[in-house]
Amino acid sequence: MTIRDLARGVWPFVLLLVFLGTFRRGEPGAAARDAALDSTDIQRLIEIADGYQAQGRADLAEAAYRSALTVDPRDGDVHVRLGELLLKRGDRSGAHAEAESALRWHPASANAVNLAARSAPSGAVSTDQ
């Protein structure tokens, strides 16, 4: 067997390896999921954010919740979800601001009231008697 015969038999494998080495593989479904971040489908954005949160990707979850709020800033549920995420990350004032936004649009929301109480500044005086 000559070098020419060896090259003829090996070059398809070399090309395949070069192709696989340069071809970028993304996470399955990542392109579709990321494209949905530009969507106006709030429910889909919430699902994406919840998925990111479950994966421990709070930064991406926050971005998805904020995207949903650009579509509908009056969605109290999204404000509460974002506030819960911020509270878990230690951003008490951000969480409280989200609770207040949720209560502005949905004053009877038990989840928003609960978040507001848990994220209130430590020196805040309760008006409940």
Protein backbone atom coordinates (compact mmCIF):
# COMPACT_ATOMS: atom_id res chain seq x y z
CA MET A 1 0.00 0.00 0.00
CA THR A 2 1.41 3.35 -1.05
CA ILE A 3 0.98 6.74 0.55
CA ARG A 4 -1.32 7.69 -2.30
CA ASP A 5 -3.62 4.73 -1.56
CA LEU A 6 -3.60 5.59 2.13
CA ALA A 7 -4.43 9.24 1.41
CA ARG A 8 -7.28 8.20 -0.88
CA GLY A 9 -8.82 6.07 1.86
CA VAL A 10 -8.25 8.50 4.73
CA TRP A 11 -9.23 11.88 3.22
CA PRO A 12 -13.00 11.39 3.65
CA PHE A 13 -12.47 10.78 7.38
CA VAL A 14 -10.19 13.80 7.65
CA LEU A 15 -12.82 15.97 5.98
CA LEU A 16 -15.46 14.61 8.33
CA LEU A 17 -13.32 15.42 11.36
CA VAL A 18 -12.65 18.93 10.07
CA PHE A 19 -16.37 19.45 9.48
CA LEU A 20 -17.30 18.19 12.94
CA GLY A 21 -14.56 20.28 14.52
CA THR A 22 -15.77 23.49 12.91
CA PHE A 23 -19.49 22.83 13.10
CA ARG A 24 -20.87 24.37 16.29
CA ARG A 25 -23.41 22.40 18.14
CA GLY A 26 -25.76 24.29 20.38
CA GLU A 27 -27.95 23.08 23.15
CA PRO A 28 -30.95 21.25 21.68
CA GLY A 29 -33.78 23.72 21.25
CA ALA A 30 -31.64 26.71 22.21
CA ALA A 31 -32.19 28.55 18.93
CA ALA A 32 -35.96 28.18 19.15
CA ARG A 33 -36.00 29.11 22.81
CA ASP A 34 -33.80 32.17 22.32
CA ALA A 35 -35.86 33.27 19.32
CA ALA A 36 -38.92 33.15 21.55
CA LEU A 37 -37.31 35.76 23.81
CA ASP A 38 -38.15 38.29 21.12
CA SER A 39 -41.72 37.06 21.05
CA THR A 40 -44.81 38.78 22.30
CA ASP A 41 -46.12 35.51 23.75
CA ILE A 42 -45.95 36.25 27.47
CA GLN A 43 -46.86 32.72 28.51
CA ARG A 44 -44.00 31.32 26.42
CA LEU A 45 -41.59 33.87 27.91
CA ILE A 46 -42.68 32.83 31.41
CA GLU A 47 -42.11 29.16 30.55
CA ILE A 48 -38.65 30.00 29.24
CA ALA A 49 -37.82 32.01 32.36
CA ASP A 50 -39.09 29.24 34.63
CA GLY A 51 -36.96 26.75 32.71
CA TYR A 52 -33.88 28.90 33.07
CA GLN A 53 -34.58 29.30 36.76
CA ALA A 54 -34.89 25.53 37.17
CA GLN A 55 -31.47 25.18 35.50
CA GLY A 56 -29.97 27.68 37.92
CA ARG A 57 -29.58 30.36 35.22
CA ALA A 58 -31.04 33.28 37.17
CA ASP A 59 -29.48 35.82 34.79
CA LEU A 60 -31.30 34.38 31.78
CA ALA A 61 -34.51 33.92 33.78
CA GLU A 62 -34.40 37.56 34.81
CA ALA A 63 -33.91 38.64 31.19
CA ALA A 64 -36.89 36.55 30.08
CA TYR A 65 -39.13 37.95 32.84
CA ARG A 66 -38.07 41.49 31.92
CA SER A 67 -38.82 40.74 28.26
CA ALA A 68 -42.30 39.63 29.26
CA LEU A 69 -42.76 42.88 31.18
CA THR A 70 -41.83 44.92 28.11
CA VAL A 71 -44.74 43.22 26.35
CA ASP A 72 -47.16 43.74 29.24
CA PRO A 73 -45.88 45.89 32.12
CA ARG A 74 -49.22 45.39 33.92
CA ASP A 75 -48.78 41.64 34.38
CA GLY A 76 -48.69 41.30 38.15
CA ASP A 77 -47.79 37.61 38.03
CA VAL A 78 -44.61 38.35 36.09
CA HIS A 79 -43.71 41.14 38.52
CA VAL A 80 -44.11 38.68 41.40
CA ARG A 81 -42.03 35.99 39.64
CA LEU A 82 -39.28 38.50 38.93
CA GLY A 83 -39.48 39.79 42.50
CA GLU A 84 -39.13 36.27 43.90
CA LEU A 85 -36.07 35.70 41.75
CA LEU A 86 -34.54 39.00 42.86
CA LEU A 87 -35.25 38.20 46.52
CA LYS A 88 -33.53 34.82 46.19
CA ARG A 89 -30.49 36.61 44.74
CA GLY A 90 -30.44 39.00 47.70
CA ASP A 91 -31.81 42.07 45.90
CA ARG A 92 -34.37 42.99 48.55
CA SER A 93 -35.08 46.50 47.21
CA GLY A 94 -35.52 45.21 43.65
CA ALA A 95 -37.86 42.51 44.89
CA HIS A 96 -39.87 45.06 46.87
CA ALA A 97 -40.15 47.32 43.82
CA GLU A 98 -41.51 44.39 41.81
CA ALA A 99 -44.00 43.58 44.60
CA GLU A 100 -45.19 47.19 44.58
CA SER A 101 -45.56 47.10 40.78
CA ALA A 102 -47.59 43.91 41.04
CA LEU A 103 -49.83 45.47 43.70
CA ARG A 104 -50.33 48.57 41.57
CA TRP A 105 -51.96 46.45 38.86
CA HIS A 106 -53.41 43.69 41.04
CA PRO A 107 -54.11 45.06 44.53
CA ALA A 108 -55.75 41.85 45.75
CA SER A 109 -52.87 39.55 44.79
CA ALA A 110 -51.95 37.44 47.80
CA ASN A 111 -48.62 36.51 46.21
CA ALA A 112 -47.73 40.18 45.73
CA VAL A 113 -48.74 41.06 49.29
CA ASN A 114 -46.64 38.17 50.59
CA LEU A 115 -43.62 39.23 48.50
CA ALA A 116 -44.01 42.84 49.64
CA ALA A 117 -44.00 41.76 53.28
CA ARG A 118 -40.95 39.51 52.88
CA SER A 119 -38.98 42.10 50.89
CA ALA A 120 -39.90 45.17 52.94
CA PRO A 121 -36.98 47.15 54.30
CA SER A 122 -36.09 45.91 57.77
CA GLY A 123 -37.06 49.20 59.42
CA ALA A 124 -40.47 49.39 57.74
CA VAL A 125 -43.46 49.83 60.01
CA SER A 126 -46.50 47.67 59.27
CA THR A 127 -49.80 49.52 58.86
CA ASP A 128 -51.81 46.39 59.71
CA GLN A 129 -53.36 46.42 63.18
